[in-house]
Each structure stands twice: as structure tokens, then as C-alpha cells.
């Protein structure tokens, strides 16, 4: 792959997930930066070692940043469905939690 950028997910030593973007051709370089402790102010610094568990490539950085922001809002379960490549579970977890799937099961406050 030439050019472009990546959105990636790392599993940290404390079992938390880190979602980031990287503009470059070799994601291993960025993983090495995370694990080397080169940036002591970084969120992953005290959570090393980190392991790359998922990534995808984008041609445009704006698209990558947008997708990164979207993933960061997801629940842990939804991130794990993405990591596992489980599209059915990802779709199920993506359904709106604000409205019941069956309107007859909606609960309304007593008046």
C-alpha cells in the first residue's frame, strides 16, 4: 500500500483499547513508537506493551479521522465486534438504544 493513512486499535497491557490514526505506509513503525515509550505524555505510555488488534486503510486523512472519532464513541462490546470481524454482532450492537425495537413494548411514565 502506498500513501494514505490508517485507523487502528491497540489492546494495552491493562486490557483497555486505544484508537488512533497514523499517516504513513508502515503501521509497524507507529506500533514501535507506542511500545518504545518515545512519547512519555502519550495515553499509552503507562499502558505498555500495546498490541495491534485491528486496522484499516484510508486514502484520505479526513476520512480516517472521522472514522477514528466514530469508533472512539463506541462501547467496548462494539469495538470487540469490529476487532473480531463479527459483522452480525456489530450490526446488533449498532441498533438504537433510545427506542425499543417493538413499539408495543415501550414504557411510558404514569400520568
PDB file of N, CA and C in Angstrom:
ATOM      1  N   UNK A   1       0.840  -1.179   0.000  1.00  0.00           N
ATOM      2  CA  UNK A   1       0.000   0.000   0.000  1.00  0.00           C
ATOM      3  C   UNK A   1       0.883   1.240   0.000  1.00  0.00           C
ATOM      4  N   UNK A   2       0.607   2.157  -0.848  1.00  0.00           N
ATOM      5  CA  UNK A   2       1.394   3.381  -0.880  1.00  0.00           C
ATOM      6  C   UNK A   2       0.514   4.552  -0.494  1.00  0.00           C
ATOM      7  N   UNK A   3       1.041   5.411   0.362  1.00  0.00           N
ATOM      8  CA  UNK A   3       0.313   6.602   0.775  1.00  0.00           C
ATOM      9  C   UNK A   3      -0.880   6.289   1.641  1.00  0.00           C
ATOM     10  N   UNK A   4      -1.625   7.331   1.926  1.00  0.00           N
ATOM     11  CA  UNK A   4      -2.816   7.164   2.737  1.00  0.00           C
ATOM     12  C   UNK A   4      -2.508   7.118   4.212  1.00  0.00           C
ATOM     13  N   UNK A   5      -3.433   6.549   4.951  1.00  0.00           N
ATOM     14  CA  UNK A   5      -3.305   6.512   6.400  1.00  0.00           C
ATOM     15  C   UNK A   5      -4.139   5.362   6.964  1.00  0.00           C
ATOM     16  N   UNK A   6      -3.990   5.145   8.248  1.00  0.00           N
ATOM     17  CA  UNK A   6      -4.650   4.035   8.926  1.00  0.00           C
ATOM     18  C   UNK A   6      -5.450   4.521  10.120  1.00  0.00           C
ATOM     19  N   UNK A   7      -6.529   3.821  10.400  1.00  0.00           N
ATOM     20  CA  UNK A   7      -7.185   3.865  11.699  1.00  0.00           C
ATOM     21  C   UNK A   7      -6.851   2.525  12.325  1.00  0.00           C
ATOM     22  N   UNK A   8      -6.472   2.540  13.598  1.00  0.00           N
ATOM     23  CA  UNK A   8      -6.054   1.299  14.234  1.00  0.00           C
ATOM     24  C   UNK A   8      -6.543   1.239  15.674  1.00  0.00           C
ATOM     25  N   UNK A   9      -6.618   0.018  16.190  1.00  0.00           N
ATOM     26  CA  UNK A   9      -6.977  -0.210  17.587  1.00  0.00           C
ATOM     27  C   UNK A   9      -5.863  -1.027  18.219  1.00  0.00           C
ATOM     28  N   UNK A  10      -5.409  -0.557  19.382  1.00  0.00           N
ATOM     29  CA  UNK A  10      -4.408  -1.266  20.168  1.00  0.00           C
ATOM     30  C   UNK A  10      -5.062  -1.824  21.424  1.00  0.00           C
ATOM     31  N   UNK A  11      -4.639  -3.012  21.833  1.00  0.00           N
ATOM     32  CA  UNK A  11      -5.012  -3.526  23.152  1.00  0.00           C
ATOM     33  C   UNK A  11      -3.815  -3.265  24.054  1.00  0.00           C
ATOM     34  N   UNK A  12      -4.063  -2.555  25.135  1.00  0.00           N
ATOM     35  CA  UNK A  12      -2.998  -2.175  26.056  1.00  0.00           C
ATOM     36  C   UNK A  12      -2.798  -3.248  27.125  1.00  0.00           C
ATOM     37  N   UNK A  13      -1.690  -3.134  27.862  1.00  0.00           N
ATOM     38  CA  UNK A  13      -1.362  -4.101  28.905  1.00  0.00           C
ATOM     39  C   UNK A  13      -2.439  -4.170  29.979  1.00  0.00           C
ATOM     40  N   UNK A  14      -3.158  -3.061  30.221  1.00  0.00           N
ATOM     41  CA  UNK A  14      -4.240  -3.047  31.215  1.00  0.00           C
ATOM     42  C   UNK A  14      -5.575  -3.479  30.613  1.00  0.00           C
ATOM     43  N   UNK A  15      -5.536  -4.015  29.396  1.00  0.00           N
ATOM     44  CA  UNK A  15      -6.693  -4.539  28.663  1.00  0.00           C
ATOM     45  C   UNK A  15      -7.651  -3.451  28.176  1.00  0.00           C
ATOM     46  N   UNK A  16      -7.233  -2.202  28.192  1.00  0.00           N
ATOM     47  CA  UNK A  16      -8.035  -1.126  27.611  1.00  0.00           C
ATOM     48  C   UNK A  16      -7.682  -1.013  26.137  1.00  0.00           C
ATOM     49  N   UNK A  17      -8.576  -0.362  25.395  1.00  0.00           N
ATOM     50  CA  UNK A  17      -8.340  -0.163  23.968  1.00  0.00           C
ATOM     51  C   UNK A  17      -7.963   1.283  23.693  1.00  0.00           C
ATOM     52  N   UNK A  18      -7.062   1.448  22.741  1.00  0.00           N
ATOM     53  CA  UNK A  18      -6.670   2.764  22.256  1.00  0.00           C
ATOM     54  C   UNK A  18      -6.976   2.800  20.761  1.00  0.00           C
ATOM     55  N   UNK A  19      -7.670   3.849  20.332  1.00  0.00           N
ATOM     56  CA  UNK A  19      -7.999   4.023  18.917  1.00  0.00           C
ATOM     57  C   UNK A  19      -7.212   5.223  18.406  1.00  0.00           C
ATOM     58  N   UNK A  20      -6.520   5.059  17.286  1.00  0.00           N
ATOM     59  CA  UNK A  20      -5.718   6.153  16.748  1.00  0.00           C
ATOM     60  C   UNK A  20      -5.682   6.155  15.232  1.00  0.00           C
ATOM     61  N   UNK A  21      -5.064   7.208  14.705  1.00  0.00           N
ATOM     62  CA  UNK A  21      -4.820   7.305  13.265  1.00  0.00           C
ATOM     63  C   UNK A  21      -3.324   7.447  13.047  1.00  0.00           C
ATOM     64  N   UNK A  22      -2.888   7.027  11.881  1.00  0.00           N
ATOM     65  CA  UNK A  22      -1.471   7.139  11.523  1.00  0.00           C
ATOM     66  C   UNK A  22      -1.371   7.424  10.037  1.00  0.00           C
ATOM     67  N   UNK A  23      -0.639   8.471   9.713  1.00  0.00           N
ATOM     68  CA  UNK A  23      -0.403   8.802   8.308  1.00  0.00           C
ATOM     69  C   UNK A  23       0.976   8.257   7.947  1.00  0.00           C
ATOM     70  N   UNK A  24       0.978   7.223   7.153  1.00  0.00           N
ATOM     71  CA  UNK A  24       2.232   6.596   6.769  1.00  0.00           C
ATOM     72  C   UNK A  24       1.961   5.284   6.058  1.00  0.00           C
ATOM     73  N   UNK A  25       3.030   4.611   5.654  1.00  0.00           N
ATOM     74  CA  UNK A  25       2.875   3.370   4.896  1.00  0.00           C
ATOM     75  C   UNK A  25       3.134   2.128   5.739  1.00  0.00           C
ATOM     76  N   UNK A  26       3.771   2.294   6.891  1.00  0.00           N
ATOM     77  CA  UNK A  26       4.147   1.143   7.703  1.00  0.00           C
ATOM     78  C   UNK A  26       3.606   1.309   9.119  1.00  0.00           C
ATOM     79  N   UNK A  27       2.500   0.654   9.398  1.00  0.00           N
ATOM     80  CA  UNK A  27       1.875   0.754  10.709  1.00  0.00           C
ATOM     81  C   UNK A  27       2.770   0.176  11.808  1.00  0.00           C
ATOM     82  N   UNK A  28       3.676  -0.721  11.449  1.00  0.00           N
ATOM     83  CA  UNK A  28       4.613  -1.282  12.425  1.00  0.00           C
ATOM     84  C   UNK A  28       5.492  -0.183  13.028  1.00  0.00           C
ATOM     85  N   UNK A  29       5.792   0.842  12.245  1.00  0.00           N
ATOM     86  CA  UNK A  29       6.578   1.974  12.746  1.00  0.00           C
ATOM     87  C   UNK A  29       5.832   2.665  13.878  1.00  0.00           C
ATOM     88  N   UNK A  30       4.542   2.904  13.675  1.00  0.00           N
ATOM     89  CA  UNK A  30       3.738   3.572  14.704  1.00  0.00           C
ATOM     90  C   UNK A  30       3.603   2.690  15.936  1.00  0.00           C
ATOM     91  N   UNK A  31       3.413   1.402  15.751  1.00  0.00           N
ATOM     92  CA  UNK A  31       3.328   0.478  16.874  1.00  0.00           C
ATOM     93  C   UNK A  31       4.627   0.512  17.681  1.00  0.00           C
ATOM     94  N   UNK A  32       5.745   0.555  16.977  1.00  0.00           N
ATOM     95  CA  UNK A  32       7.039   0.665  17.645  1.00  0.00           C
ATOM     96  C   UNK A  32       7.162   1.935  18.463  1.00  0.00           C
ATOM     97  N   UNK A  33       6.627   3.041  17.951  1.00  0.00           N
ATOM     98  CA  UNK A  33       6.647   4.302  18.699  1.00  0.00           C
ATOM     99  C   UNK A  33       5.843   4.175  19.989  1.00  0.00           C
ATOM    100  N   UNK A  34       4.678   3.538  19.905  1.00  0.00           N
ATOM    101  CA  UNK A  34       3.863   3.342  21.113  1.00  0.00           C
ATOM    102  C   UNK A  34       4.621   2.502  22.138  1.00  0.00           C
ATOM    103  N   UNK A  35       5.235   1.415  21.706  1.00  0.00           N
ATOM    104  CA  UNK A  35       5.885   0.497  22.639  1.00  0.00           C
ATOM    105  C   UNK A  35       7.242   0.968  23.137  1.00  0.00           C
ATOM    106  N   UNK A  36       7.884   1.885  22.413  1.00  0.00           N
ATOM    107  CA  UNK A  36       9.213   2.350  22.816  1.00  0.00           C
ATOM    108  C   UNK A  36       9.168   3.328  23.980  1.00  0.00           C
ATOM    109  N   UNK A  37       8.013   3.927  24.213  1.00  0.00           N
ATOM    110  CA  UNK A  37       7.922   4.943  25.258  1.00  0.00           C
ATOM    111  C   UNK A  37       8.511   6.260  24.813  1.00  0.00           C
ATOM    112  N   UNK A  38       8.589   6.459  23.517  1.00  0.00           N
ATOM    113  CA  UNK A  38       9.183   7.669  22.938  1.00  0.00           C
ATOM    114  C   UNK A  38       8.430   8.935  23.343  1.00  0.00           C
ATOM    115  N   UNK A  39       7.131   8.804  23.620  1.00  0.00           N
ATOM    116  CA  UNK A  39       6.309   9.962  23.986  1.00  0.00           C
ATOM    117  C   UNK A  39       5.741   9.756  25.397  1.00  0.00           C
ATOM    118  N   UNK A  40       6.452  10.196  26.447  1.00  0.00           N
ATOM    119  CA  UNK A  40       6.000   9.971  27.830  1.00  0.00           C
ATOM    120  C   UNK A  40       4.639  10.586  28.154  1.00  0.00           C
ATOM    121  N   UNK A  41       4.228  11.585  27.386  1.00  0.00           N
ATOM    122  CA  UNK A  41       2.933  12.233  27.635  1.00  0.00           C
ATOM    123  C   UNK A  41       1.770  11.480  26.981  1.00  0.00           C
ATOM    124  N   UNK A  42       2.059  10.471  26.208  1.00  0.00           N
ATOM    125  CA  UNK A  42       1.020   9.738  25.469  1.00  0.00           C
ATOM    126  C   UNK A  42       0.167   8.876  26.408  1.00  0.00           C
ATOM    127  N   UNK A  43      -1.105   8.723  26.062  1.00  0.00           N
ATOM    128  CA  UNK A  43      -2.055   7.926  26.846  1.00  0.00           C
ATOM    129  C   UNK A  43      -1.572   6.485  26.991  1.00  0.00           C
ATOM    130  N   UNK A  44      -0.914   5.957  25.983  1.00  0.00           N
ATOM    131  CA  UNK A  44      -0.470   4.559  26.010  1.00  0.00           C
ATOM    132  C   UNK A  44       0.836   4.352  26.783  1.00  0.00           C
ATOM    133  N   UNK A  45       1.510   5.427  27.160  1.00  0.00           N
ATOM    134  CA  UNK A  45       2.841   5.315  27.773  1.00  0.00           C
ATOM    135  C   UNK A  45       2.848   4.378  28.985  1.00  0.00           C
ATOM    136  N   UNK A  46       1.913   4.569  29.899  1.00  0.00           N
ATOM    137  CA  UNK A  46       1.866   3.749  31.120  1.00  0.00           C
ATOM    138  C   UNK A  46       1.058   2.472  30.922  1.00  0.00           C
ATOM    139  N   UNK A  47       0.641   2.223  29.709  1.00  0.00           N
ATOM    140  CA  UNK A  47      -0.175   1.044  29.416  1.00  0.00           C
ATOM    141  C   UNK A  47       0.565   0.067  28.494  1.00  0.00           C
ATOM    142  N   UNK A  48       1.875   0.202  28.407  1.00  0.00           N
ATOM    143  CA  UNK A  48       2.684  -0.660  27.556  1.00  0.00           C
ATOM    144  C   UNK A  48       2.905  -2.011  28.219  1.00  0.00           C
ATOM    145  N   UNK A  49       3.140  -3.047  27.433  1.00  0.00           N
ATOM    146  CA  UNK A  49       3.187  -3.033  25.971  1.00  0.00           C
ATOM    147  C   UNK A  49       1.780  -3.000  25.371  1.00  0.00           C
ATOM    148  N   UNK A  50       1.724  -2.527  24.151  1.00  0.00           N
ATOM    149  CA  UNK A  50       0.464  -2.500  23.414  1.00  0.00           C
ATOM    150  C   UNK A  50       0.573  -3.460  22.237  1.00  0.00           C
ATOM    151  N   UNK A  51      -0.588  -3.953  21.818  1.00  0.00           N
ATOM    152  CA  UNK A  51      -0.626  -4.908  20.705  1.00  0.00           C
ATOM    153  C   UNK A  51      -1.641  -4.414  19.683  1.00  0.00           C
ATOM    154  N   UNK A  52      -1.260  -4.413  18.427  1.00  0.00           N
ATOM    155  CA  UNK A  52      -2.171  -4.048  17.349  1.00  0.00           C
ATOM    156  C   UNK A  52      -3.187  -5.175  17.169  1.00  0.00           C
ATOM    157  N   UNK A  53      -4.493  -4.832  17.313  1.00  0.00           N
ATOM    158  CA  UNK A  53      -5.526  -5.860  17.181  1.00  0.00           C
ATOM    159  C   UNK A  53      -6.444  -5.633  15.985  1.00  0.00           C
ATOM    160  N   UNK A  54      -6.400  -4.427  15.395  1.00  0.00           N
ATOM    161  CA  UNK A  54      -7.254  -4.143  14.238  1.00  0.00           C
ATOM    162  C   UNK A  54      -6.737  -2.896  13.535  1.00  0.00           C
ATOM    163  N   UNK A  55      -6.870  -2.873  12.210  1.00  0.00           N
ATOM    164  CA  UNK A  55      -6.542  -1.660  11.447  1.00  0.00           C
ATOM    165  C   UNK A  55      -7.252  -1.697  10.102  1.00  0.00           C
ATOM    166  N   UNK A  56      -7.414  -0.516   9.536  1.00  0.00           N
ATOM    167  CA  UNK A  56      -7.945  -0.386   8.188  1.00  0.00           C
ATOM    168  C   UNK A  56      -7.285   0.813   7.528  1.00  0.00           C
ATOM    169  N   UNK A  57      -7.212   0.789   6.218  1.00  0.00           N
ATOM    170  CA  UNK A  57      -6.516   1.818   5.446  1.00  0.00           C
ATOM    171  C   UNK A  57      -7.507   2.784   4.818  1.00  0.00           C
ATOM    172  N   UNK A  58      -7.137   4.061   4.792  1.00  0.00           N
ATOM    173  CA  UNK A  58      -7.910   5.103   4.111  1.00  0.00           C
ATOM    174  C   UNK A  58      -6.978   5.858   3.176  1.00  0.00           C
ATOM    175  N   UNK A  59      -7.514   6.335   2.082  1.00  0.00           N
ATOM    176  CA  UNK A  59      -6.726   7.162   1.173  1.00  0.00           C
ATOM    177  C   UNK A  59      -6.614   8.596   1.671  1.00  0.00           C
ATOM    178  N   UNK A  60      -7.656   9.058   2.376  1.00  0.00           N
ATOM    179  CA  UNK A  60      -7.675  10.456   2.827  1.00  0.00           C
ATOM    180  C   UNK A  60      -7.676  10.537   4.349  1.00  0.00           C
ATOM    181  N   UNK A  61      -6.829  11.402   4.890  1.00  0.00           N
ATOM    182  CA  UNK A  61      -6.719  11.557   6.339  1.00  0.00           C
ATOM    183  C   UNK A  61      -8.030  12.035   6.948  1.00  0.00           C
ATOM    184  N   UNK A  62      -8.780  12.863   6.230  1.00  0.00           N
ATOM    185  CA  UNK A  62     -10.049  13.356   6.773  1.00  0.00           C
ATOM    186  C   UNK A  62     -11.030  12.208   7.007  1.00  0.00           C
ATOM    187  N   UNK A  63     -11.044  11.232   6.115  1.00  0.00           N
ATOM    188  CA  UNK A  63     -11.906  10.063   6.297  1.00  0.00           C
ATOM    189  C   UNK A  63     -11.440   9.233   7.493  1.00  0.00           C
ATOM    190  N   UNK A  64     -10.138   9.081   7.631  1.00  0.00           N
ATOM    191  CA  UNK A  64      -9.583   8.310   8.745  1.00  0.00           C
ATOM    192  C   UNK A  64      -9.912   8.969  10.081  1.00  0.00           C
ATOM    193  N   UNK A  65      -9.742  10.270  10.162  1.00  0.00           N
ATOM    194  CA  UNK A  65     -10.021  10.991  11.407  1.00  0.00           C
ATOM    195  C   UNK A  65     -11.501  10.887  11.765  1.00  0.00           C
ATOM    196  N   UNK A  66     -12.355  10.977  10.778  1.00  0.00           N
ATOM    197  CA  UNK A  66     -13.797  10.857  11.006  1.00  0.00           C
ATOM    198  C   UNK A  66     -14.152   9.469  11.545  1.00  0.00           C
ATOM    199  N   UNK A  67     -13.572   8.425  10.965  1.00  0.00           N
ATOM    200  CA  UNK A  67     -13.858   7.062  11.413  1.00  0.00           C
ATOM    201  C   UNK A  67     -13.271   6.814  12.800  1.00  0.00           C
ATOM    202  N   UNK A  68     -12.087   7.354  13.059  1.00  0.00           N
ATOM    203  CA  UNK A  68     -11.485   7.240  14.390  1.00  0.00           C
ATOM    204  C   UNK A  68     -12.421   7.837  15.436  1.00  0.00           C
ATOM    205  N   UNK A  69     -12.936   9.032  15.174  1.00  0.00           N
ATOM    206  CA  UNK A  69     -13.841   9.696  16.118  1.00  0.00           C
ATOM    207  C   UNK A  69     -15.096   8.861  16.351  1.00  0.00           C
ATOM    208  N   UNK A  70     -15.600   8.251  15.301  1.00  0.00           N
ATOM    209  CA  UNK A  70     -16.791   7.408  15.418  1.00  0.00           C
ATOM    210  C   UNK A  70     -16.511   6.204  16.314  1.00  0.00           C
ATOM    211  N   UNK A  71     -15.413   5.512  16.072  1.00  0.00           N
ATOM    212  CA  UNK A  71     -15.069   4.319  16.858  1.00  0.00           C
ATOM    213  C   UNK A  71     -14.843   4.676  18.321  1.00  0.00           C
ATOM    214  N   UNK A  72     -14.224   5.816  18.583  1.00  0.00           N
ATOM    215  CA  UNK A  72     -13.953   6.221  19.965  1.00  0.00           C
ATOM    216  C   UNK A  72     -15.229   6.370  20.785  1.00  0.00           C
ATOM    217  N   UNK A  73     -16.349   6.622  20.140  1.00  0.00           N
ATOM    218  CA  UNK A  73     -17.632   6.771  20.844  1.00  0.00           C
ATOM    219  C   UNK A  73     -18.298   5.426  21.123  1.00  0.00           C
ATOM    220  N   UNK A  74     -17.805   4.365  20.523  1.00  0.00           N
ATOM    221  CA  UNK A  74     -18.427   3.055  20.647  1.00  0.00           C
ATOM    222  C   UNK A  74     -18.157   2.425  22.008  1.00  0.00           C
ATOM    223  N   UNK A  75     -19.039   1.510  22.384  1.00  0.00           N
ATOM    224  CA  UNK A  75     -18.851   0.717  23.594  1.00  0.00           C
ATOM    225  C   UNK A  75     -17.701  -0.276  23.374  1.00  0.00           C
ATOM    226  N   UNK A  76     -17.224  -0.824  24.472  1.00  0.00           N
ATOM    227  CA  UNK A  76     -16.190  -1.850  24.389  1.00  0.00           C
ATOM    228  C   UNK A  76     -16.689  -3.049  23.575  1.00  0.00           C
ATOM    229  N   UNK A  77     -17.938  -3.449  23.811  1.00  0.00           N
ATOM    230  CA  UNK A  77     -18.510  -4.599  23.091  1.00  0.00           C
ATOM    231  C   UNK A  77     -18.531  -4.354  21.590  1.00  0.00           C
ATOM    232  N   UNK A  78     -18.870  -3.153  21.199  1.00  0.00           N
ATOM    233  CA  UNK A  78     -18.930  -2.836  19.774  1.00  0.00           C
ATOM    234  C   UNK A  78     -17.524  -2.828  19.162  1.00  0.00           C
ATOM    235  N   UNK A  79     -16.546  -2.287  19.891  1.00  0.00           N
ATOM    236  CA  UNK A  79     -15.156  -2.317  19.404  1.00  0.00           C
ATOM    237  C   UNK A  79     -14.690  -3.760  19.251  1.00  0.00           C
ATOM    238  N   UNK A  80     -15.044  -4.615  20.207  1.00  0.00           N
ATOM    239  CA  UNK A  80     -14.616  -6.013  20.128  1.00  0.00           C
ATOM    240  C   UNK A  80     -15.281  -6.745  18.965  1.00  0.00           C
ATOM    241  N   UNK A  81     -16.515  -6.393  18.649  1.00  0.00           N
ATOM    242  CA  UNK A  81     -17.170  -6.986  17.475  1.00  0.00           C
ATOM    243  C   UNK A  81     -16.423  -6.588  16.205  1.00  0.00           C
ATOM    244  N   UNK A  82     -15.992  -5.328  16.130  1.00  0.00           N
ATOM    245  CA  UNK A  82     -15.209  -4.867  14.977  1.00  0.00           C
ATOM    246  C   UNK A  82     -13.879  -5.619  14.907  1.00  0.00           C
ATOM    247  N   UNK A  83     -13.194  -5.714  16.033  1.00  0.00           N
ATOM    248  CA  UNK A  83     -11.905  -6.413  16.095  1.00  0.00           C
ATOM    249  C   UNK A  83     -12.061  -7.865  15.651  1.00  0.00           C
ATOM    250  N   UNK A  84     -13.138  -8.510  16.105  1.00  0.00           N
ATOM    251  CA  UNK A  84     -13.387  -9.919  15.772  1.00  0.00           C
ATOM    252  C   UNK A  84     -13.901 -10.113  14.352  1.00  0.00           C
ATOM    253  N   UNK A  85     -14.269  -9.013  13.686  1.00  0.00           N
ATOM    254  CA  UNK A  85     -14.825  -9.118  12.342  1.00  0.00           C
ATOM    255  C   UNK A  85     -16.231  -9.700  12.340  1.00  0.00           C
ATOM    256  N   UNK A  86     -16.927  -9.577  13.471  1.00  0.00           N
ATOM    257  CA  UNK A  86     -18.270 -10.133  13.626  1.00  0.00           C
ATOM    258  C   UNK A  86     -19.298  -9.080  13.211  1.00  0.00           C
ATOM    259  N   UNK A  87     -19.613  -9.039  11.920  1.00  0.00           N
ATOM    260  CA  UNK A  87     -20.499  -8.007  11.388  1.00  0.00           C
ATOM    261  C   UNK A  87     -21.924  -8.124  11.906  1.00  0.00           C
ATOM    262  N   UNK A  88     -22.390  -9.338  12.159  1.00  0.00           N
ATOM    263  CA  UNK A  88     -23.746  -9.512  12.702  1.00  0.00           C
ATOM    264  C   UNK A  88     -23.844  -8.905  14.099  1.00  0.00           C
ATOM    265  N   UNK A  89     -22.865  -9.203  14.940  1.00  0.00           N
ATOM    266  CA  UNK A  89     -22.862  -8.644  16.300  1.00  0.00           C
ATOM    267  C   UNK A  89     -22.692  -7.135  16.244  1.00  0.00           C
ATOM    268  N   UNK A  90     -21.856  -6.656  15.343  1.00  0.00           N
ATOM    269  CA  UNK A  90     -21.650  -5.214  15.187  1.00  0.00           C
ATOM    270  C   UNK A  90     -22.960  -4.537  14.800  1.00  0.00           C
ATOM    271  N   UNK A  91     -23.700  -5.134  13.869  1.00  0.00           N
ATOM    272  CA  UNK A  91     -24.998  -4.574  13.467  1.00  0.00           C
ATOM    273  C   UNK A  91     -25.979  -4.580  14.631  1.00  0.00           C
ATOM    274  N   UNK A  92     -26.015  -5.668  15.385  1.00  0.00           N
ATOM    275  CA  UNK A  92     -26.936  -5.761  16.523  1.00  0.00           C
ATOM    276  C   UNK A  92     -26.599  -4.713  17.579  1.00  0.00           C
ATOM    277  N   UNK A  93     -25.329  -4.502  17.827  1.00  0.00           N
ATOM    278  CA  UNK A  93     -24.906  -3.510  18.818  1.00  0.00           C
ATOM    279  C   UNK A  93     -25.103  -2.087  18.321  1.00  0.00           C
ATOM    280  N   UNK A  94     -25.256  -1.924  17.014  1.00  0.00           N
ATOM    281  CA  UNK A  94     -25.431  -0.598  16.424  1.00  0.00           C
ATOM    282  C   UNK A  94     -26.875  -0.123  16.446  1.00  0.00           C
ATOM    283  N   UNK A  95     -27.797  -1.012  16.742  1.00  0.00           N
ATOM    284  CA  UNK A  95     -29.205  -0.611  16.769  1.00  0.00           C
ATOM    285  C   UNK A  95     -29.418   0.406  17.878  1.00  0.00           C
ATOM    286  N   UNK A  96     -30.292   1.350  17.617  1.00  0.00           N
ATOM    287  CA  UNK A  96     -30.569   2.433  18.560  1.00  0.00           C
ATOM    288  C   UNK A  96     -31.008   1.885  19.912  1.00  0.00           C
ATOM    289  N   UNK A  97     -30.424   2.430  20.962  1.00  0.00           N
ATOM    290  CA  UNK A  97     -30.803   2.046  22.318  1.00  0.00           C
ATOM    291  C   UNK A  97     -31.883   2.977  22.862  1.00  0.00           C
ATOM    292  N   UNK A  98     -32.186   4.032  22.132  1.00  0.00           N
ATOM    293  CA  UNK A  98     -33.123   5.034  22.634  1.00  0.00           C
ATOM    294  C   UNK A  98     -34.579   4.672  22.384  1.00  0.00           C
ATOM    295  N   UNK A  99     -34.846   3.785  21.465  1.00  0.00           N
ATOM    296  CA  UNK A  99     -36.223   3.398  21.176  1.00  0.00           C
ATOM    297  C   UNK A  99     -36.308   1.883  21.098  1.00  0.00           C
ATOM    298  N   UNK A 100     -37.338   1.293  21.688  1.00  0.00           N
ATOM    299  CA  UNK A 100     -37.455  -0.165  21.620  1.00  0.00           C
ATOM    300  C   UNK A 100     -37.718  -0.628  20.190  1.00  0.00           C
ATOM    301  N   UNK A 101     -37.214  -1.805  19.863  1.00  0.00           N
ATOM    302  CA  UNK A 101     -37.416  -2.350  18.523  1.00  0.00           C
ATOM    303  C   UNK A 101     -38.895  -2.631  18.276  1.00  0.00           C
ATOM    304  N   UNK A 102     -39.609  -3.006  19.337  1.00  0.00           N
ATOM    305  CA  UNK A 102     -41.041  -3.293  19.238  1.00  0.00           C
ATOM    306  C   UNK A 102     -41.800  -2.189  19.975  1.00  0.00           C
ATOM    307  N   UNK A 103     -42.466  -1.283  19.257  1.00  0.00           N
ATOM    308  CA  UNK A 103     -43.153  -0.156  19.902  1.00  0.00           C
ATOM    309  C   UNK A 103     -44.178  -0.580  20.947  1.00  0.00           C
ATOM    310  N   UNK A 104     -44.736  -1.788  20.832  1.00  0.00           N
ATOM    311  CA  UNK A 104     -45.724  -2.236  21.818  1.00  0.00           C
ATOM    312  C   UNK A 104     -45.089  -2.482  23.182  1.00  0.00           C
ATOM    313  N   UNK A 105     -43.766  -2.597  23.216  1.00  0.00           N
ATOM    314  CA  UNK A 105     -43.065  -2.827  24.481  1.00  0.00           C
ATOM    315  C   UNK A 105     -42.549  -1.532  25.099  1.00  0.00           C
ATOM    316  N   UNK A 106     -42.888  -0.427  24.499  1.00  0.00           N
ATOM    317  CA  UNK A 106     -42.447   0.864  25.022  1.00  0.00           C
ATOM    318  C   UNK A 106     -43.105   1.123  26.370  1.00  0.00           C
ATOM    319  N   UNK A 107     -42.328   1.673  27.291  1.00  0.00           N
ATOM    320  CA  UNK A 107     -42.860   2.026  28.601  1.00  0.00           C
ATOM    321  C   UNK A 107     -42.939   3.533  28.689  1.00  0.00           C
ATOM    322  N   UNK A 108     -44.071   4.000  29.134  1.00  0.00           N
ATOM    323  CA  UNK A 108     -44.270   5.435  29.277  1.00  0.00           C
ATOM    324  C   UNK A 108     -44.512   5.746  30.746  1.00  0.00           C
ATOM    325  N   UNK A 109     -44.065   6.902  31.201  1.00  0.00           N
ATOM    326  CA  UNK A 109     -44.291   7.254  32.610  1.00  0.00           C
ATOM    327  C   UNK A 109     -45.785   7.380  32.904  1.00  0.00           C
ATOM    328  N   UNK A 110     -46.157   6.974  34.131  1.00  0.00           N
ATOM    329  CA  UNK A 110     -47.561   7.097  34.537  1.00  0.00           C
ATOM    330  C   UNK A 110     -47.898   8.562  34.689  1.00  0.00           C
ATOM    331  N   UNK A 111     -49.113   8.900  34.299  1.00  0.00           N
ATOM    332  CA  UNK A 111     -49.522  10.306  34.356  1.00  0.00           C
ATOM    333  C   UNK A 111     -50.466  10.536  35.493  1.00  0.00           C
TER     334      UNK A 111
END
